[in-house]
Amino acid sequence: MIEKPFLYFRAYLRDMRNLFKAVQHIDKDNSRFITMDELESAMNESIGITGDEARHERSYSKWIQIM
């Protein structure tokens, strides 16, 4: 029988792997840090705003509405 602490630790490791993958996806320059530009780009990408449209529209409020 597998003990509960081990199961909790496995779940924790799975969550950390998923978090690491998410950061890697957003971090375009592989600096292991997410800059404001990378975060803004990822948010715009997630709601389908690209190029000039992103410059003229503050998408943060739209992104919050979607979430």
Protein backbone atom coordinates (compact mmCIF):
# COMPACT_ATOMS: atom_id res chain seq x y z
CA MET A 1 0.00 0.00 0.00
CA ILE A 2 1.35 3.42 -0.95
CA GLU A 3 1.38 5.90 1.89
CA LYS A 4 -0.38 9.26 1.64
CA PRO A 5 2.75 11.43 2.04
CA PHE A 6 4.24 9.75 -1.01
CA LEU A 7 1.06 10.40 -3.02
CA TYR A 8 1.09 14.05 -1.95
CA PHE A 9 4.72 14.35 -2.98
CA ARG A 10 3.97 12.81 -6.40
CA ALA A 11 1.14 15.30 -6.91
CA TYR A 12 3.45 18.14 -5.87
CA LEU A 13 6.12 17.02 -8.37
CA ARG A 14 3.51 16.78 -11.14
CA ASP A 15 2.33 20.31 -10.37
CA MET A 16 5.90 21.64 -10.38
CA ARG A 17 6.57 19.99 -13.76
CA ASN A 18 3.43 21.58 -15.17
CA LEU A 19 4.42 24.98 -13.77
CA PHE A 20 7.92 24.64 -15.23
CA LYS A 21 6.47 23.77 -18.66
CA ALA A 22 4.17 26.78 -18.50
CA VAL A 23 7.07 29.11 -17.65
CA GLN A 24 9.13 27.62 -20.48
CA HIS A 25 6.28 28.25 -22.90
CA ILE A 26 5.99 31.92 -21.90
CA ASP A 27 9.77 32.52 -21.61
CA LYS A 28 10.69 33.09 -25.27
CA ASP A 29 14.36 34.05 -24.72
CA ASN A 30 15.09 31.13 -22.34
CA SER A 31 16.36 33.43 -19.60
CA ARG A 32 14.35 31.48 -16.99
CA PHE A 33 12.60 34.72 -16.12
CA ILE A 34 9.33 36.04 -17.51
CA THR A 35 9.58 39.67 -18.56
CA MET A 36 6.59 41.99 -18.78
CA ASP A 37 6.85 41.92 -22.59
CA GLU A 38 6.78 38.11 -22.63
CA LEU A 39 3.83 38.05 -20.25
CA GLU A 40 1.93 40.62 -22.30
CA SER A 41 2.68 38.70 -25.48
CA ALA A 42 1.46 35.43 -23.94
CA MET A 43 -1.73 37.09 -22.70
CA ASN A 44 -2.41 38.64 -26.11
CA GLU A 45 -1.71 35.30 -27.77
CA SER A 46 -4.11 33.50 -25.44
CA ILE A 47 -7.03 35.72 -26.48
CA GLY A 48 -6.05 36.01 -30.14
CA ILE A 49 -4.78 39.61 -30.32
CA THR A 50 -1.71 40.12 -32.50
CA GLY A 51 0.41 42.88 -34.03
CA ASP A 52 -0.96 46.41 -34.23
CA GLU A 53 -4.18 45.46 -32.49
CA ALA A 54 -2.21 44.64 -29.34
CA ARG A 55 -0.59 48.08 -29.36
CA HIS A 56 -3.88 49.95 -29.60
CA GLU A 57 -5.86 47.92 -27.13
CA ARG A 58 -5.19 47.18 -23.48
CA SER A 59 -5.88 43.48 -23.51
CA TYR A 60 -5.34 42.84 -19.81
CA SER A 61 -8.92 43.74 -18.92
CA LYS A 62 -10.21 41.59 -21.78
CA TRP A 63 -8.01 38.70 -20.64
CA ILE A 64 -9.32 39.03 -17.08
CA GLN A 65 -12.90 38.88 -18.38
CA ILE A 66 -12.14 35.66 -20.22
CA MET A 67 -10.53 34.10 -17.18
